[in-house]
Amino acid sequence: MLKQTGYPREAPLLPAILRFSIPLMLTGILQLAYNTADSIIVGRYAGHASLAAVGSTTSIIIFLIITLFNGVSIGANYMAARDFGAQDDRGLFRTVHCAALLSVILGLLACVCGLLLSTPLLRWADAPEDVLPLSVLYLRIYFLGVPALVVYNFGSALLRAVGDTFYPLLFMIVSGALNVALNLLLVVVIPLDVAGVAIATSVSQLLSAVLVTVRLCTFRGPCRLDLRKIRLYPDRTGQMLRLGFSAGLQGVIFSAANVMIQSAVNSFGSVVM
């Protein structure tokens, strides 16, 4: 006879894990597909030089932006999940409002650095001179949308910490559909070439950031965000940066190989790219 432990029966873990993890995986795939959608549209309607210009930025965008800041948002995700699991409403309030302001600061910092370093980064990746101006234009416009990307990453990390992976996926689907529609509009109808796809991506990222912020502001529970109360708490900020940058740097080191591969491909010229 089995000994009675006094603990309630729990539901099977596998269905719960799948319900949580599948939307999370799909969100990551869709986020990485932004640049792919840009490449498909310019390759189909703008020619090989434009395709090479967008393609030469792929490893830099994934290497410097998505990988790094997804890693940094892990710090906010970990701390929010810890507070939520401990039923520490005050701690969760501080984590959420600190993460909201920190995401804006880091996003603006990344934007400024990206605008200043676009040309050196592309030269480091051996982008050919005939596509360098187009690559720089694409990358600089893309960096203008980076603050929104960082805000979305932090916001979705906070929602995941309290078990919500559906809404971040839904917001990414909506913004991804807008990205494709704007790509077609700004390349096929209004021939803006690589500038068009970069603008489409930045606008779509802004939409995803607005949607995730609205979700946090209307969330029922201790994870709710009050924009009037956002501030940096030194202890929370330090923990987020320490945990997040460690995770982000792990991804960056792994992704550095992709930059080397892209650099080797770039050395063969724009047609091969």
Protein backbone atom coordinates (compact mmCIF):
# COMPACT_ATOMS: atom_id res chain seq x y z
CA MET A 1 0.00 0.00 0.00
CA LEU A 2 1.29 3.43 -0.93
CA LYS A 3 2.02 5.74 1.92
CA GLN A 4 -0.19 8.84 2.05
CA THR A 5 1.98 11.94 2.00
CA GLY A 6 -0.71 14.53 2.58
CA TYR A 7 0.23 16.41 -0.61
CA PRO A 8 -2.49 16.95 -3.24
CA ARG A 9 -2.28 15.10 -6.50
CA GLU A 10 -0.65 17.14 -9.21
CA ALA A 11 -1.48 17.23 -12.91
CA PRO A 12 0.98 15.59 -15.34
CA LEU A 13 3.93 17.87 -16.09
CA LEU A 14 4.39 17.11 -19.80
CA PRO A 15 1.21 18.83 -21.10
CA ALA A 16 1.95 21.90 -18.98
CA ILE A 17 5.55 22.00 -20.21
CA LEU A 18 4.43 21.75 -23.83
CA ARG A 19 1.79 24.47 -23.40
CA PHE A 20 4.47 26.74 -22.00
CA SER A 21 7.42 25.88 -24.24
CA ILE A 22 5.86 25.56 -27.72
CA PRO A 23 4.69 29.22 -27.87
CA LEU A 24 8.09 30.21 -26.48
CA MET A 25 9.92 28.36 -29.25
CA LEU A 26 7.65 29.73 -31.96
CA THR A 27 8.18 33.27 -30.67
CA GLY A 28 11.95 32.86 -30.95
CA ILE A 29 11.66 31.50 -34.49
CA LEU A 30 9.41 34.35 -35.61
CA GLN A 31 11.73 36.95 -34.10
CA LEU A 32 14.68 35.56 -36.02
CA ALA A 33 12.56 35.46 -39.20
CA TYR A 34 12.36 39.26 -39.48
CA ASN A 35 15.65 39.51 -41.35
CA THR A 36 14.74 36.44 -43.43
CA ALA A 37 11.52 38.12 -44.57
CA ASP A 38 13.51 41.22 -45.54
CA SER A 39 15.93 39.08 -47.57
CA ILE A 40 13.11 37.28 -49.40
CA ILE A 41 11.34 40.50 -50.40
CA VAL A 42 14.42 42.39 -51.59
CA GLY A 43 15.76 39.29 -53.33
CA ARG A 44 12.51 38.89 -55.23
CA TYR A 45 11.84 42.51 -56.12
CA ALA A 46 15.04 44.57 -55.73
CA GLY A 47 17.93 42.57 -57.17
CA HIS A 48 21.09 40.83 -56.02
CA ALA A 49 22.89 43.92 -54.69
CA SER A 50 20.06 44.70 -52.29
CA LEU A 51 19.84 41.07 -51.24
CA ALA A 52 23.58 41.04 -50.57
CA ALA A 53 23.28 44.26 -48.55
CA VAL A 54 20.61 42.77 -46.29
CA GLY A 55 22.34 39.39 -46.10
CA SER A 56 25.61 40.93 -44.98
CA THR A 57 23.90 42.29 -41.86
CA THR A 58 22.25 39.04 -40.75
CA SER A 59 25.04 37.73 -38.56
CA ILE A 60 25.64 41.17 -37.04
CA ILE A 61 21.97 41.64 -36.16
CA ILE A 62 21.67 38.16 -34.65
CA PHE A 63 25.14 38.37 -33.07
CA LEU A 64 24.91 41.81 -31.50
CA ILE A 65 21.22 42.41 -31.00
CA ILE A 66 18.93 39.43 -30.66
CA THR A 67 21.38 37.06 -28.98
CA LEU A 68 22.80 39.62 -26.55
CA PHE A 69 19.57 41.27 -25.46
CA ASN A 70 17.59 38.06 -25.30
CA GLY A 71 20.31 36.97 -22.89
CA VAL A 72 20.07 40.18 -20.86
CA SER A 73 16.30 39.78 -20.55
CA ILE A 74 16.91 36.38 -18.91
CA GLY A 75 18.03 38.28 -15.82
CA ALA A 76 14.64 40.00 -15.58
CA ASN A 77 12.87 36.72 -16.33
CA TYR A 78 14.72 34.87 -13.58
CA MET A 79 14.13 37.51 -10.93
CA ALA A 80 10.45 37.95 -11.79
CA ALA A 81 9.88 34.18 -11.75
CA ARG A 82 11.66 33.91 -8.39
CA ASP A 83 9.53 36.65 -6.86
CA PHE A 84 6.34 35.23 -8.36
CA GLY A 85 7.10 31.72 -7.10
CA ALA A 86 7.88 33.05 -3.62
CA GLN A 87 4.64 35.09 -3.68
CA ASP A 88 6.74 38.17 -2.99
CA ASP A 89 4.41 40.80 -4.46
CA ARG A 90 6.58 43.71 -3.36
CA GLY A 91 9.67 42.14 -4.88
CA LEU A 92 7.83 41.39 -8.13
CA PHE A 93 6.57 44.97 -8.27
CA ARG A 94 10.13 46.28 -7.94
CA THR A 95 11.46 43.81 -10.51
CA VAL A 96 8.80 44.66 -13.11
CA HIS A 97 9.17 48.43 -12.80
CA CYS A 98 12.95 48.28 -12.69
CA ALA A 99 13.07 46.02 -15.78
CA ALA A 100 10.75 48.35 -17.69
CA LEU A 101 13.05 51.35 -17.26
CA LEU A 102 16.22 49.31 -17.70
CA SER A 103 14.95 48.00 -21.04
CA VAL A 104 14.46 51.54 -22.33
CA ILE A 105 17.95 52.61 -21.19
CA LEU A 106 19.67 49.57 -22.68
CA GLY A 107 17.68 49.90 -25.90
CA LEU A 108 18.67 53.54 -26.37
CA LEU A 109 22.29 52.70 -25.57
CA ALA A 110 22.30 49.89 -28.14
CA CYS A 111 20.71 52.21 -30.70
CA VAL A 112 23.37 54.91 -30.27
CA CYS A 113 26.21 52.37 -30.37
CA GLY A 114 24.73 50.72 -33.45
CA LEU A 115 24.35 53.99 -35.33
CA LEU A 116 27.96 54.90 -34.58
CA LEU A 117 29.43 51.46 -35.25
CA SER A 118 27.43 50.32 -38.29
CA THR A 119 30.20 50.98 -40.80
CA PRO A 120 33.06 49.53 -38.67
CA LEU A 121 30.99 46.41 -37.93
CA LEU A 122 30.28 45.82 -41.60
CA ARG A 123 33.91 46.37 -42.54
CA TRP A 124 34.86 43.89 -39.82
CA ALA A 125 32.51 41.43 -41.55
CA ASP A 126 34.24 42.19 -44.90
CA ALA A 127 31.15 43.58 -46.60
CA PRO A 128 32.07 44.39 -50.25
CA GLU A 129 32.46 48.05 -51.13
CA ASP A 130 29.76 47.88 -53.82
CA VAL A 131 27.07 46.96 -51.27
CA LEU A 132 28.52 48.73 -48.22
CA PRO A 133 26.40 51.92 -48.55
CA LEU A 134 23.18 49.88 -48.80
CA SER A 135 24.25 47.66 -45.90
CA VAL A 136 25.04 50.68 -43.71
CA LEU A 137 21.68 52.27 -44.58
CA TYR A 138 19.79 49.07 -43.72
CA LEU A 139 21.67 48.55 -40.47
CA ARG A 140 21.27 52.14 -39.26
CA ILE A 141 17.53 52.16 -39.87
CA TYR A 142 17.31 48.76 -38.18
CA PHE A 143 19.16 50.09 -35.13
CA LEU A 144 16.53 52.83 -34.80
CA GLY A 145 14.07 50.05 -33.98
CA VAL A 146 16.33 48.34 -31.46
CA PRO A 147 14.91 50.16 -28.38
CA ALA A 148 11.50 48.71 -29.26
CA LEU A 149 13.07 45.26 -29.73
CA VAL A 150 14.66 45.41 -26.29
CA VAL A 151 11.43 46.61 -24.66
CA TYR A 152 9.56 43.71 -26.27
CA ASN A 153 12.19 41.19 -25.12
CA PHE A 154 12.04 42.42 -21.53
CA GLY A 155 8.24 42.65 -21.55
CA SER A 156 7.81 39.14 -22.91
CA ALA A 157 10.38 37.86 -20.37
CA LEU A 158 8.27 39.30 -17.54
CA LEU A 159 5.11 37.72 -18.94
CA ARG A 160 6.84 34.35 -19.29
CA ALA A 161 7.94 34.59 -15.67
CA VAL A 162 4.30 34.44 -14.57
CA GLY A 163 3.43 31.68 -17.05
CA ASP A 164 2.17 33.70 -20.02
CA THR A 165 3.81 32.62 -23.28
CA PHE A 166 0.69 32.95 -25.46
CA TYR A 167 0.47 36.74 -25.63
CA PRO A 168 4.15 37.28 -26.56
CA LEU A 169 3.63 34.78 -29.40
CA LEU A 170 0.42 36.49 -30.49
CA PHE A 171 2.12 39.89 -30.53
CA MET A 172 5.00 38.49 -32.57
CA ILE A 173 2.58 36.99 -35.10
CA VAL A 174 0.75 40.31 -35.48
CA SER A 175 3.97 42.34 -35.82
CA GLY A 176 5.44 39.74 -38.19
CA ALA A 177 2.39 40.00 -40.46
CA LEU A 178 2.73 43.79 -40.40
CA ASN A 179 6.41 43.44 -41.30
CA VAL A 180 5.61 41.36 -44.40
CA ALA A 181 2.82 43.74 -45.47
CA LEU A 182 5.02 46.81 -45.06
CA ASN A 183 7.88 45.08 -46.86
CA LEU A 184 5.66 44.56 -49.90
CA LEU A 185 4.31 48.11 -49.69
CA LEU A 186 7.70 49.81 -49.28
CA VAL A 187 9.56 47.69 -51.85
CA VAL A 188 7.02 46.73 -54.50
CA VAL A 189 4.55 49.64 -54.39
CA ILE A 190 6.88 52.34 -53.07
CA PRO A 191 10.35 51.34 -54.32
CA LEU A 192 12.46 52.25 -51.29
CA ASP A 193 14.70 49.20 -51.71
CA VAL A 194 16.63 48.20 -48.56
CA ALA A 195 15.45 51.31 -46.72
CA GLY A 196 11.89 50.06 -47.17
CA VAL A 197 12.45 46.67 -45.55
CA ALA A 198 14.44 48.27 -42.72
CA ILE A 199 11.64 50.75 -42.04
CA ALA A 200 9.11 47.91 -42.10
CA THR A 201 11.11 45.94 -39.55
CA SER A 202 11.55 48.92 -37.21
CA VAL A 203 7.84 49.82 -37.36
CA SER A 204 6.86 46.20 -36.71
CA GLN A 205 9.17 46.03 -33.71
CA LEU A 206 7.61 49.23 -32.37
CA LEU A 207 4.17 47.61 -32.64
CA SER A 208 5.31 44.52 -30.72
CA ALA A 209 6.78 46.74 -27.98
CA VAL A 210 3.55 48.74 -27.68
CA LEU A 211 1.44 45.57 -27.52
CA VAL A 212 3.54 43.92 -24.82
CA THR A 213 3.56 47.15 -22.79
CA VAL A 214 -0.22 47.42 -23.02
CA ARG A 215 -0.50 43.79 -21.89
CA LEU A 216 1.68 44.48 -18.86
CA CYS A 217 -0.26 47.65 -18.01
CA THR A 218 -3.59 45.78 -18.11
CA PHE A 219 -2.34 42.57 -16.49
CA ARG A 220 -4.37 41.44 -13.49
CA GLY A 221 -2.02 40.58 -10.69
CA PRO A 222 1.29 41.65 -9.12
CA CYS A 223 3.03 41.66 -12.52
CA ARG A 224 1.01 44.69 -13.59
CA LEU A 225 3.02 47.66 -14.82
CA ASP A 226 2.27 51.24 -13.79
CA LEU A 227 4.19 53.57 -16.09
CA ARG A 228 4.10 56.32 -13.46
CA LYS A 229 6.06 54.16 -11.02
CA ILE A 230 8.92 52.85 -13.15
CA ARG A 231 12.33 53.47 -11.61
CA LEU A 232 15.70 51.81 -11.15
CA TYR A 233 16.26 49.94 -7.90
CA PRO A 234 20.04 49.56 -7.49
CA ASP A 235 19.92 46.05 -6.04
CA ARG A 236 17.51 44.81 -8.72
CA THR A 237 19.40 46.53 -11.54
CA GLY A 238 22.71 45.01 -10.48
CA GLN A 239 21.27 41.51 -10.28
CA MET A 240 19.56 41.78 -13.65
CA LEU A 241 22.70 42.99 -15.39
CA ARG A 242 24.92 40.42 -13.69
CA LEU A 243 22.66 37.49 -14.52
CA GLY A 244 21.57 38.78 -17.92
CA PHE A 245 24.92 39.75 -19.40
CA SER A 246 26.39 36.41 -18.36
CA ALA A 247 23.66 34.63 -20.31
CA GLY A 248 23.93 37.07 -23.20
CA LEU A 249 27.69 36.72 -23.50
CA GLN A 250 27.38 32.95 -23.71
CA GLY A 251 25.16 33.36 -26.75
CA VAL A 252 27.43 36.02 -28.25
CA ILE A 253 30.50 33.80 -28.00
CA PHE A 254 28.66 30.98 -29.75
CA SER A 255 27.29 33.31 -32.44
CA ALA A 256 30.73 34.79 -33.16
CA ALA A 257 31.36 31.77 -35.39
CA ASN A 258 28.48 32.90 -37.62
CA VAL A 259 30.14 36.29 -38.09
CA MET A 260 33.35 34.56 -39.19
CA ILE A 261 31.40 32.43 -41.66
CA GLN A 262 29.57 35.51 -42.98
CA SER A 263 32.90 37.30 -43.35
CA ALA A 264 34.27 34.42 -45.42
CA VAL A 265 31.18 34.46 -47.66
CA ASN A 266 31.37 38.25 -48.04
CA SER A 267 34.92 37.99 -49.34
CA PHE A 268 33.59 36.32 -52.53
CA GLY A 269 31.59 39.39 -53.55
CA SER A 270 27.99 40.52 -53.71
CA VAL A 271 26.80 37.94 -56.28
CA VAL A 272 27.88 35.01 -54.11
CA MET A 273 26.41 36.72 -51.04
